[in-house]
């Protein structure tokens, strides 16, 4: 009887832990935190409960509390790669990028072949503007998981920031190879081609992006710009009209619509568009 009584708190903690995991899967994070907190009353050194509690707190944007949970878990399991990784994610969300990198580095000490850690290390270098190191991290992630379309995409964005446009385009192409319906890869591919003056090819990429997300006003805007560069002003105006359906107070949409109208000699309509742009700009200045 004594042994059964001694096991009871541990069993209670286990039961509450599994309830919490179920709540996390259902995205009921407050309920999950309550379960994990109750489990820890029965078993204070339950590292898995501390880890899952930290994850649930992070999902609610409570990143400082999440870090506290991860730190407690790490006193019990200092060699747990996933704890160092999740701690790094939380630090990154708080803008503590160097501390986040240090956490990812600790995770990699214990599991150097974890492509997710390398990828999120790259994201963090990207976020703090150190793009060369971001590319190096993405390269390592892709050595471990060559079909990771998200890593190819993020590698492309870092290369684009470094003005290494051809390499960036190749990265977006690889991303699309593994995820043909990847909106962002098609969109950024279009931006690079547009910057190169390859407007027909840019339009093909933007068109593909719009098949995936037809209501993205920024894509329609760039379609309008490319059409304008090709002197297809009627089609450009139609694209800017779509921008303004989706975002009526888009200053640049009204402004560039006016330019396209001017190119067609429709000065009165152009003036209306430009006046609308001026009014939006004046309102924005009042609000700032």
C-alpha atoms as a PDB file:
ATOM      1  CA  UNK A   1       0.000   0.000   0.000  1.00  0.00           C
ATOM      2  CA  UNK A   2       2.859   2.396   0.813  1.00  0.00           C
ATOM      3  CA  UNK A   3       4.434   1.884  -2.649  1.00  0.00           C
ATOM      4  CA  UNK A   4       1.109   2.601  -4.390  1.00  0.00           C
ATOM      5  CA  UNK A   5       0.689   5.826  -2.410  1.00  0.00           C
ATOM      6  CA  UNK A   6       4.225   6.891  -3.339  1.00  0.00           C
ATOM      7  CA  UNK A   7       3.495   6.320  -7.030  1.00  0.00           C
ATOM      8  CA  UNK A   8       0.298   8.348  -6.993  1.00  0.00           C
ATOM      9  CA  UNK A   9       1.828  11.855  -7.427  1.00  0.00           C
ATOM     10  CA  UNK A  10       3.946  10.638 -10.351  1.00  0.00           C
ATOM     11  CA  UNK A  11       0.941   9.028 -12.016  1.00  0.00           C
ATOM     12  CA  UNK A  12      -1.115  12.172 -11.430  1.00  0.00           C
ATOM     13  CA  UNK A  13       1.642  14.272 -13.036  1.00  0.00           C
ATOM     14  CA  UNK A  14       1.742  11.907 -16.024  1.00  0.00           C
ATOM     15  CA  UNK A  15      -2.034  12.082 -16.450  1.00  0.00           C
ATOM     16  CA  UNK A  16      -2.035  15.904 -16.315  1.00  0.00           C
ATOM     17  CA  UNK A  17       0.924  16.054 -18.710  1.00  0.00           C
ATOM     18  CA  UNK A  18      -0.905  14.003 -21.349  1.00  0.00           C
ATOM     19  CA  UNK A  19      -4.011  16.137 -20.861  1.00  0.00           C
ATOM     20  CA  UNK A  20      -1.838  19.196 -21.493  1.00  0.00           C
ATOM     21  CA  UNK A  21      -0.320  17.706 -24.657  1.00  0.00           C
ATOM     22  CA  UNK A  22      -3.859  17.011 -25.913  1.00  0.00           C
ATOM     23  CA  UNK A  23      -4.796  20.658 -25.238  1.00  0.00           C
ATOM     24  CA  UNK A  24      -1.709  21.877 -27.109  1.00  0.00           C
ATOM     25  CA  UNK A  25      -2.696  19.791 -30.137  1.00  0.00           C
ATOM     26  CA  UNK A  26      -6.147  21.382 -29.945  1.00  0.00           C
ATOM     27  CA  UNK A  27      -4.458  24.841 -29.719  1.00  0.00           C
ATOM     28  CA  UNK A  28      -6.094  25.438 -26.318  1.00  0.00           C
ATOM     29  CA  UNK A  29      -2.955  26.889 -24.834  1.00  0.00           C
ATOM     30  CA  UNK A  30      -4.333  28.403 -21.620  1.00  0.00           C
ATOM     31  CA  UNK A  31      -5.874  25.046 -20.700  1.00  0.00           C
ATOM     32  CA  UNK A  32      -2.592  23.329 -21.598  1.00  0.00           C
ATOM     33  CA  UNK A  33      -0.577  25.668 -19.355  1.00  0.00           C
ATOM     34  CA  UNK A  34      -2.959  24.947 -16.492  1.00  0.00           C
ATOM     35  CA  UNK A  35      -2.465  21.188 -16.951  1.00  0.00           C
ATOM     36  CA  UNK A  36       1.337  21.443 -17.110  1.00  0.00           C
ATOM     37  CA  UNK A  37       1.444  23.758 -14.082  1.00  0.00           C
ATOM     38  CA  UNK A  38      -0.669  21.286 -12.075  1.00  0.00           C
ATOM     39  CA  UNK A  39       1.551  18.412 -13.226  1.00  0.00           C
ATOM     40  CA  UNK A  40       4.592  20.286 -11.929  1.00  0.00           C
ATOM     41  CA  UNK A  41       3.023  20.582  -8.482  1.00  0.00           C
ATOM     42  CA  UNK A  42       3.117  16.790  -8.296  1.00  0.00           C
ATOM     43  CA  UNK A  43       6.498  16.435  -9.990  1.00  0.00           C
ATOM     44  CA  UNK A  44       8.567  19.667  -9.904  1.00  0.00           C
ATOM     45  CA  UNK A  45      11.465  18.128 -11.880  1.00  0.00           C
ATOM     46  CA  UNK A  46       9.248  17.021 -14.783  1.00  0.00           C
ATOM     47  CA  UNK A  47      11.363  18.447 -17.616  1.00  0.00           C
ATOM     48  CA  UNK A  48       8.915  17.447 -20.373  1.00  0.00           C
ATOM     49  CA  UNK A  49       6.109  19.342 -18.622  1.00  0.00           C
ATOM     50  CA  UNK A  50       8.337  22.408 -18.263  1.00  0.00           C
ATOM     51  CA  UNK A  51       9.277  22.172 -21.946  1.00  0.00           C
ATOM     52  CA  UNK A  52       5.677  21.832 -23.126  1.00  0.00           C
ATOM     53  CA  UNK A  53       4.591  24.598 -20.767  1.00  0.00           C
ATOM     54  CA  UNK A  54       7.229  26.855 -22.333  1.00  0.00           C
ATOM     55  CA  UNK A  55       6.007  25.953 -25.810  1.00  0.00           C
ATOM     56  CA  UNK A  56       2.375  26.775 -24.907  1.00  0.00           C
ATOM     57  CA  UNK A  57       3.421  30.074 -23.324  1.00  0.00           C
ATOM     58  CA  UNK A  58       5.326  30.959 -26.479  1.00  0.00           C
ATOM     59  CA  UNK A  59       2.246  30.229 -28.604  1.00  0.00           C
ATOM     60  CA  UNK A  60       0.422  32.885 -26.534  1.00  0.00           C
ATOM     61  CA  UNK A  61       3.248  35.399 -27.061  1.00  0.00           C
ATOM     62  CA  UNK A  62       4.381  35.125 -23.428  1.00  0.00           C
ATOM     63  CA  UNK A  63       8.001  34.679 -24.396  1.00  0.00           C
ATOM     64  CA  UNK A  64       9.624  35.832 -21.141  1.00  0.00           C
ATOM     65  CA  UNK A  65       7.574  33.250 -19.217  1.00  0.00           C
ATOM     66  CA  UNK A  66       8.415  30.652 -21.860  1.00  0.00           C
ATOM     67  CA  UNK A  67      12.138  31.280 -21.369  1.00  0.00           C
ATOM     68  CA  UNK A  68      11.713  30.850 -17.608  1.00  0.00           C
ATOM     69  CA  UNK A  69      10.119  27.441 -18.215  1.00  0.00           C
ATOM     70  CA  UNK A  70      12.870  26.408 -20.622  1.00  0.00           C
ATOM     71  CA  UNK A  71      15.559  27.592 -18.184  1.00  0.00           C
ATOM     72  CA  UNK A  72      14.022  25.486 -15.384  1.00  0.00           C
ATOM     73  CA  UNK A  73      13.877  22.476 -17.702  1.00  0.00           C
ATOM     74  CA  UNK A  74      17.527  22.987 -18.685  1.00  0.00           C
ATOM     75  CA  UNK A  75      18.650  22.755 -15.066  1.00  0.00           C
ATOM     76  CA  UNK A  76      17.242  19.207 -15.214  1.00  0.00           C
ATOM     77  CA  UNK A  77      18.152  18.346 -18.833  1.00  0.00           C
ATOM     78  CA  UNK A  78      21.103  20.574 -19.826  1.00  0.00           C
ATOM     79  CA  UNK A  79      21.821  18.357 -22.843  1.00  0.00           C
ATOM     80  CA  UNK A  80      18.325  18.600 -24.370  1.00  0.00           C
ATOM     81  CA  UNK A  81      18.706  19.964 -27.902  1.00  0.00           C
ATOM     82  CA  UNK A  82      15.015  20.823 -28.311  1.00  0.00           C
ATOM     83  CA  UNK A  83      15.000  22.886 -25.092  1.00  0.00           C
ATOM     84  CA  UNK A  84      17.939  25.016 -26.239  1.00  0.00           C
ATOM     85  CA  UNK A  85      16.251  25.329 -29.648  1.00  0.00           C
ATOM     86  CA  UNK A  86      12.882  26.456 -28.263  1.00  0.00           C
ATOM     87  CA  UNK A  87      14.635  28.833 -25.899  1.00  0.00           C
ATOM     88  CA  UNK A  88      16.383  30.335 -28.944  1.00  0.00           C
ATOM     89  CA  UNK A  89      13.044  30.786 -30.717  1.00  0.00           C
ATOM     90  CA  UNK A  90      11.620  32.637 -27.693  1.00  0.00           C
ATOM     91  CA  UNK A  91      14.685  34.886 -27.421  1.00  0.00           C
ATOM     92  CA  UNK A  92      14.441  35.697 -31.117  1.00  0.00           C
ATOM     93  CA  UNK A  93      10.793  36.703 -30.700  1.00  0.00           C
ATOM     94  CA  UNK A  94      11.948  39.196 -28.051  1.00  0.00           C
ATOM     95  CA  UNK A  95      14.583  40.624 -30.404  1.00  0.00           C
ATOM     96  CA  UNK A  96      17.422  39.170 -28.311  1.00  0.00           C
ATOM     97  CA  UNK A  97      19.148  37.843 -31.384  1.00  0.00           C
ATOM     98  CA  UNK A  98      22.666  37.177 -30.088  1.00  0.00           C
ATOM     99  CA  UNK A  99      21.302  35.321 -27.053  1.00  0.00           C
ATOM    100  CA  UNK A 100      19.083  33.368 -29.429  1.00  0.00           C
ATOM    101  CA  UNK A 101      22.084  32.433 -31.607  1.00  0.00           C
ATOM    102  CA  UNK A 102      23.922  31.279 -28.476  1.00  0.00           C
ATOM    103  CA  UNK A 103      20.962  29.045 -27.601  1.00  0.00           C
ATOM    104  CA  UNK A 104      20.904  27.559 -31.097  1.00  0.00           C
ATOM    105  CA  UNK A 105      24.654  26.956 -30.842  1.00  0.00           C
ATOM    106  CA  UNK A 106      24.122  25.069 -27.576  1.00  0.00           C
ATOM    107  CA  UNK A 107      21.400  23.000 -29.270  1.00  0.00           C
ATOM    108  CA  UNK A 108      23.847  22.153 -32.060  1.00  0.00           C
ATOM    109  CA  UNK A 109      26.478  21.049 -29.561  1.00  0.00           C
ATOM    110  CA  UNK A 110      24.117  18.229 -28.595  1.00  0.00           C
ATOM    111  CA  UNK A 111      22.652  17.553 -32.068  1.00  0.00           C
ATOM    112  CA  UNK A 112      24.797  19.003 -34.867  1.00  0.00           C
ATOM    113  CA  UNK A 113      22.750  17.202 -37.513  1.00  0.00           C
ATOM    114  CA  UNK A 114      19.451  18.913 -36.704  1.00  0.00           C
ATOM    115  CA  UNK A 115      18.405  20.797 -39.854  1.00  0.00           C
ATOM    116  CA  UNK A 116      15.615  22.684 -38.056  1.00  0.00           C
ATOM    117  CA  UNK A 117      18.070  24.252 -35.617  1.00  0.00           C
ATOM    118  CA  UNK A 118      20.390  25.290 -38.452  1.00  0.00           C
ATOM    119  CA  UNK A 119      17.420  26.768 -40.338  1.00  0.00           C
ATOM    120  CA  UNK A 120      16.127  28.782 -37.381  1.00  0.00           C
ATOM    121  CA  UNK A 121      19.662  29.935 -36.624  1.00  0.00           C
ATOM    122  CA  UNK A 122      19.681  31.278 -40.199  1.00  0.00           C
ATOM    123  CA  UNK A 123      16.334  33.015 -39.688  1.00  0.00           C
ATOM    124  CA  UNK A 124      17.755  34.736 -36.595  1.00  0.00           C
ATOM    125  CA  UNK A 125      20.865  35.931 -38.451  1.00  0.00           C
ATOM    126  CA  UNK A 126      18.502  37.190 -41.153  1.00  0.00           C
ATOM    127  CA  UNK A 127      16.409  39.063 -38.564  1.00  0.00           C
ATOM    128  CA  UNK A 128      19.452  40.877 -37.202  1.00  0.00           C
ATOM    129  CA  UNK A 129      20.743  41.716 -40.687  1.00  0.00           C
ATOM    130  CA  UNK A 130      23.803  39.446 -40.760  1.00  0.00           C
ATOM    131  CA  UNK A 131      22.957  37.920 -44.111  1.00  0.00           C
ATOM    132  CA  UNK A 132      26.264  36.167 -44.897  1.00  0.00           C
ATOM    133  CA  UNK A 133      25.950  34.128 -41.692  1.00  0.00           C
ATOM    134  CA  UNK A 134      22.287  33.512 -42.453  1.00  0.00           C
ATOM    135  CA  UNK A 135      23.221  32.016 -45.833  1.00  0.00           C
ATOM    136  CA  UNK A 136      25.861  29.811 -44.187  1.00  0.00           C
ATOM    137  CA  UNK A 137      23.287  28.465 -41.730  1.00  0.00           C
ATOM    138  CA  UNK A 138      20.745  27.820 -44.490  1.00  0.00           C
ATOM    139  CA  UNK A 139      23.440  26.031 -46.507  1.00  0.00           C
ATOM    140  CA  UNK A 140      24.103  23.737 -43.539  1.00  0.00           C
ATOM    141  CA  UNK A 141      20.374  23.084 -43.116  1.00  0.00           C
ATOM    142  CA  UNK A 142      20.089  22.193 -46.803  1.00  0.00           C
ATOM    143  CA  UNK A 143      23.032  19.813 -46.675  1.00  0.00           C
ATOM    144  CA  UNK A 144      21.049  17.918 -44.045  1.00  0.00           C
ATOM    145  CA  UNK A 145      17.623  18.300 -45.681  1.00  0.00           C
ATOM    146  CA  UNK A 146      17.983  19.132 -49.391  1.00  0.00           C
ATOM    147  CA  UNK A 147      14.219  19.188 -50.061  1.00  0.00           C
ATOM    148  CA  UNK A 148      13.451  21.802 -47.385  1.00  0.00           C
ATOM    149  CA  UNK A 149      11.635  24.341 -49.560  1.00  0.00           C
ATOM    150  CA  UNK A 150      11.368  26.806 -46.656  1.00  0.00           C
ATOM    151  CA  UNK A 151      15.157  26.849 -46.249  1.00  0.00           C
ATOM    152  CA  UNK A 152      15.663  27.414 -50.006  1.00  0.00           C
ATOM    153  CA  UNK A 153      13.176  30.306 -49.823  1.00  0.00           C
ATOM    154  CA  UNK A 154      14.801  31.952 -46.797  1.00  0.00           C
ATOM    155  CA  UNK A 155      18.254  31.435 -48.320  1.00  0.00           C
ATOM    156  CA  UNK A 156      16.933  33.308 -51.367  1.00  0.00           C
ATOM    157  CA  UNK A 157      15.750  36.261 -49.272  1.00  0.00           C
ATOM    158  CA  UNK A 158      19.146  36.517 -47.562  1.00  0.00           C
ATOM    159  CA  UNK A 159      20.986  36.373 -50.898  1.00  0.00           C
ATOM    160  CA  UNK A 160      18.651  39.032 -52.270  1.00  0.00           C
ATOM    161  CA  UNK A 161      19.603  41.307 -49.359  1.00  0.00           C
ATOM    162  CA  UNK A 162      23.259  40.740 -50.285  1.00  0.00           C
ATOM    163  CA  UNK A 163      22.474  41.788 -53.898  1.00  0.00           C
ATOM    164  CA  UNK A 164      23.450  38.289 -55.055  1.00  0.00           C
ATOM    165  CA  UNK A 165      20.398  38.197 -57.272  1.00  0.00           C
ATOM    166  CA  UNK A 166      21.287  35.313 -59.565  1.00  0.00           C
ATOM    167  CA  UNK A 167      21.979  33.028 -56.595  1.00  0.00           C
ATOM    168  CA  UNK A 168      18.771  34.243 -54.950  1.00  0.00           C
ATOM    169  CA  UNK A 169      16.788  33.429 -58.098  1.00  0.00           C
ATOM    170  CA  UNK A 170      18.285  29.940 -58.135  1.00  0.00           C
ATOM    171  CA  UNK A 171      17.272  29.487 -54.500  1.00  0.00           C
ATOM    172  CA  UNK A 172      13.693  30.538 -55.216  1.00  0.00           C
ATOM    173  CA  UNK A 173      13.652  28.125 -58.154  1.00  0.00           C
ATOM    174  CA  UNK A 174      14.779  25.282 -55.886  1.00  0.00           C
ATOM    175  CA  UNK A 175      12.104  26.229 -53.367  1.00  0.00           C
ATOM    176  CA  UNK A 176       9.483  26.113 -56.129  1.00  0.00           C
ATOM    177  CA  UNK A 177      10.852  22.758 -57.300  1.00  0.00           C
ATOM    178  CA  UNK A 178       9.938  21.264 -53.926  1.00  0.00           C
ATOM    179  CA  UNK A 179       6.789  23.353 -53.366  1.00  0.00           C
ATOM    180  CA  UNK A 180       5.267  24.488 -56.669  1.00  0.00           C
ATOM    181  CA  UNK A 181       2.482  26.403 -54.892  1.00  0.00           C
ATOM    182  CA  UNK A 182       4.858  28.429 -52.735  1.00  0.00           C
ATOM    183  CA  UNK A 183       3.439  31.942 -53.068  1.00  0.00           C
ATOM    184  CA  UNK A 184       6.363  33.866 -51.587  1.00  0.00           C
ATOM    185  CA  UNK A 185       8.963  32.148 -53.752  1.00  0.00           C
ATOM    186  CA  UNK A 186       7.028  33.021 -56.926  1.00  0.00           C
ATOM    187  CA  UNK A 187       6.484  36.601 -55.689  1.00  0.00           C
ATOM    188  CA  UNK A 188      10.147  37.243 -54.837  1.00  0.00           C
ATOM    189  CA  UNK A 189      11.222  35.555 -58.047  1.00  0.00           C
ATOM    190  CA  UNK A 190       9.075  38.127 -59.875  1.00  0.00           C
ATOM    191  CA  UNK A 191      10.647  41.007 -57.944  1.00  0.00           C
ATOM    192  CA  UNK A 192      14.170  39.939 -58.927  1.00  0.00           C
ATOM    193  CA  UNK A 193      13.233  39.539 -62.591  1.00  0.00           C
ATOM    194  CA  UNK A 194      11.527  42.927 -62.516  1.00  0.00           C
ATOM    195  CA  UNK A 195      14.660  44.534 -61.025  1.00  0.00           C
ATOM    196  CA  UNK A 196      16.621  43.020 -63.925  1.00  0.00           C
ATOM    197  CA  UNK A 197      14.214  44.553 -66.424  1.00  0.00           C
ATOM    198  CA  UNK A 198      12.912  41.126 -67.491  1.00  0.00           C
ATOM    199  CA  UNK A 199       9.319  42.251 -67.180  1.00  0.00           C
ATOM    200  CA  UNK A 200       7.648  39.542 -69.237  1.00  0.00           C
ATOM    201  CA  UNK A 201       9.281  36.848 -67.121  1.00  0.00           C
ATOM    202  CA  UNK A 202       8.475  38.835 -63.984  1.00  0.00           C
ATOM    203  CA  UNK A 203       4.815  38.946 -65.023  1.00  0.00           C
ATOM    204  CA  UNK A 204       4.798  35.178 -65.492  1.00  0.00           C
ATOM    205  CA  UNK A 205       6.025  34.779 -61.901  1.00  0.00           C
ATOM    206  CA  UNK A 206       3.539  37.310 -60.537  1.00  0.00           C
ATOM    207  CA  UNK A 207       0.734  35.587 -62.456  1.00  0.00           C
ATOM    208  CA  UNK A 208       1.700  32.288 -60.843  1.00  0.00           C
ATOM    209  CA  UNK A 209       1.723  33.979 -57.424  1.00  0.00           C
ATOM    210  CA  UNK A 210      -1.757  35.375 -58.087  1.00  0.00           C
ATOM    211  CA  UNK A 211      -3.062  31.925 -58.971  1.00  0.00           C
ATOM    212  CA  UNK A 212      -2.064  30.933 -55.438  1.00  0.00           C
ATOM    213  CA  UNK A 213      -3.113  34.153 -53.628  1.00  0.00           C
ATOM    214  CA  UNK A 214      -5.405  36.138 -55.944  1.00  0.00           C
ATOM    215  CA  UNK A 215      -6.129  38.869 -53.376  1.00  0.00           C
ATOM    216  CA  UNK A 216      -2.559  39.988 -52.631  1.00  0.00           C
ATOM    217  CA  UNK A 217      -2.529  43.723 -53.313  1.00  0.00           C
ATOM    218  CA  UNK A 218       1.303  43.914 -53.392  1.00  0.00           C
ATOM    219  CA  UNK A 219       1.448  41.358 -56.208  1.00  0.00           C
ATOM    220  CA  UNK A 220      -1.142  43.262 -58.239  1.00  0.00           C
ATOM    221  CA  UNK A 221       0.847  46.454 -57.600  1.00  0.00           C
ATOM    222  CA  UNK A 222       4.029  44.888 -58.992  1.00  0.00           C
ATOM    223  CA  UNK A 223       2.064  43.522 -61.948  1.00  0.00           C
ATOM    224  CA  UNK A 224       0.987  47.108 -62.632  1.00  0.00           C
ATOM    225  CA  UNK A 225       4.566  48.370 -62.436  1.00  0.00           C
ATOM    226  CA  UNK A 226       5.848  45.680 -64.824  1.00  0.00           C
ATOM    227  CA  UNK A 227       3.029  46.352 -67.298  1.00  0.00           C
ATOM    228  CA  UNK A 228       3.812  50.063 -67.133  1.00  0.00           C
ATOM    229  CA  UNK A 229       7.479  49.384 -67.910  1.00  0.00           C
ATOM    230  CA  UNK A 230       6.307  47.408 -70.938  1.00  0.00           C
ATOM    231  CA  UNK A 231       4.098  50.376 -71.969  1.00  0.00           C
ATOM    232  CA  UNK A 232       0.968  48.238 -71.566  1.00  0.00           C
ATOM    233  CA  UNK A 233      -0.808  51.108 -69.849  1.00  0.00           C
ATOM    234  CA  UNK A 234      -4.399  49.902 -70.159  1.00  0.00           C
ATOM    235  CA  UNK A 235      -3.504  46.606 -68.487  1.00  0.00           C
ATOM    236  CA  UNK A 236      -1.412  48.476 -65.887  1.00  0.00           C
ATOM    237  CA  UNK A 237      -4.394  50.641 -64.970  1.00  0.00           C
ATOM    238  CA  UNK A 238      -6.515  47.501 -64.569  1.00  0.00           C
ATOM    239  CA  UNK A 239      -3.877  46.062 -62.223  1.00  0.00           C
ATOM    240  CA  UNK A 240      -3.761  49.261 -60.145  1.00  0.00           C
ATOM    241  CA  UNK A 241      -7.581  49.243 -60.055  1.00  0.00           C
ATOM    242  CA  UNK A 242      -7.354  45.770 -58.515  1.00  0.00           C
ATOM    243  CA  UNK A 243      -4.858  47.067 -55.956  1.00  0.00           C
ATOM    244  CA  UNK A 244      -7.314  49.798 -54.993  1.00  0.00           C
ATOM    245  CA  UNK A 245     -10.224  47.369 -54.726  1.00  0.00           C
ATOM    246  CA  UNK A 246      -8.187  45.430 -52.192  1.00  0.00           C
ATOM    247  CA  UNK A 247      -6.652  48.456 -50.433  1.00  0.00           C
ATOM    248  CA  UNK A 248      -8.541  51.681 -51.237  1.00  0.00           C
ATOM    249  CA  UNK A 249      -6.068  53.939 -49.391  1.00  0.00           C
ATOM    250  CA  UNK A 250      -2.921  52.683 -51.117  1.00  0.00           C
ATOM    251  CA  UNK A 251      -0.965  55.862 -51.895  1.00  0.00           C
ATOM    252  CA  UNK A 252       1.359  54.228 -54.430  1.00  0.00           C
ATOM    253  CA  UNK A 253      -1.552  52.484 -56.149  1.00  0.00           C
ATOM    254  CA  UNK A 254      -3.295  55.812 -56.807  1.00  0.00           C
ATOM    255  CA  UNK A 255      -0.013  57.553 -57.695  1.00  0.00           C
ATOM    256  CA  UNK A 256       1.099  54.984 -60.288  1.00  0.00           C
ATOM    257  CA  UNK A 257      -2.425  54.667 -61.658  1.00  0.00           C
ATOM    258  CA  UNK A 258      -2.190  58.392 -62.341  1.00  0.00           C
ATOM    259  CA  UNK A 259       1.116  57.985 -64.140  1.00  0.00           C
ATOM    260  CA  UNK A 260      -0.315  55.260 -66.393  1.00  0.00           C
ATOM    261  CA  UNK A 261      -3.315  57.459 -67.194  1.00  0.00           C
ATOM    262  CA  UNK A 262      -0.991  60.350 -68.051  1.00  0.00           C
ATOM    263  CA  UNK A 263       0.920  58.106 -70.463  1.00  0.00           C
ATOM    264  CA  UNK A 264      -2.368  57.433 -72.255  1.00  0.00           C
ATOM    265  CA  UNK A 265      -3.189  61.137 -72.461  1.00  0.00           C
ATOM    266  CA  UNK A 266      -6.112  60.815 -70.026  1.00  0.00           C
ATOM    267  CA  UNK A 267      -5.001  63.836 -68.021  1.00  0.00           C
ATOM    268  CA  UNK A 268      -8.279  64.579 -66.242  1.00  0.00           C
ATOM    269  CA  UNK A 269      -8.492  61.037 -64.854  1.00  0.00           C
ATOM    270  CA  UNK A 270      -4.790  61.188 -63.995  1.00  0.00           C
ATOM    271  CA  UNK A 271      -5.356  64.362 -61.975  1.00  0.00           C
ATOM    272  CA  UNK A 272      -8.138  62.652 -60.018  1.00  0.00           C
ATOM    273  CA  UNK A 273      -5.805  59.758 -59.177  1.00  0.00           C
ATOM    274  CA  UNK A 274      -2.957  62.047 -58.154  1.00  0.00           C
ATOM    275  CA  UNK A 275      -5.258  64.200 -56.012  1.00  0.00           C
ATOM    276  CA  UNK A 276      -6.468  61.076 -54.280  1.00  0.00           C
ATOM    277  CA  UNK A 277      -2.855  60.061 -53.608  1.00  0.00           C
ATOM    278  CA  UNK A 278      -2.078  63.535 -52.200  1.00  0.00           C
ATOM    279  CA  UNK A 279      -5.120  63.367 -49.906  1.00  0.00           C
ATOM    280  CA  UNK A 280      -4.080  59.932 -48.596  1.00  0.00           C
ATOM    281  CA  UNK A 281      -0.537  61.152 -47.977  1.00  0.00           C
ATOM    282  CA  UNK A 282      -1.807  64.207 -46.089  1.00  0.00           C
ATOM    283  CA  UNK A 283      -4.040  62.028 -43.926  1.00  0.00           C
ATOM    284  CA  UNK A 284      -1.188  59.655 -43.148  1.00  0.00           C
ATOM    285  CA  UNK A 285       1.010  62.577 -42.078  1.00  0.00           C
ATOM    286  CA  UNK A 286      -1.731  63.799 -39.704  1.00  0.00           C
ATOM    287  CA  UNK A 287      -1.935  60.338 -38.141  1.00  0.00           C
ATOM    288  CA  UNK A 288       1.810  60.034 -37.502  1.00  0.00           C
END
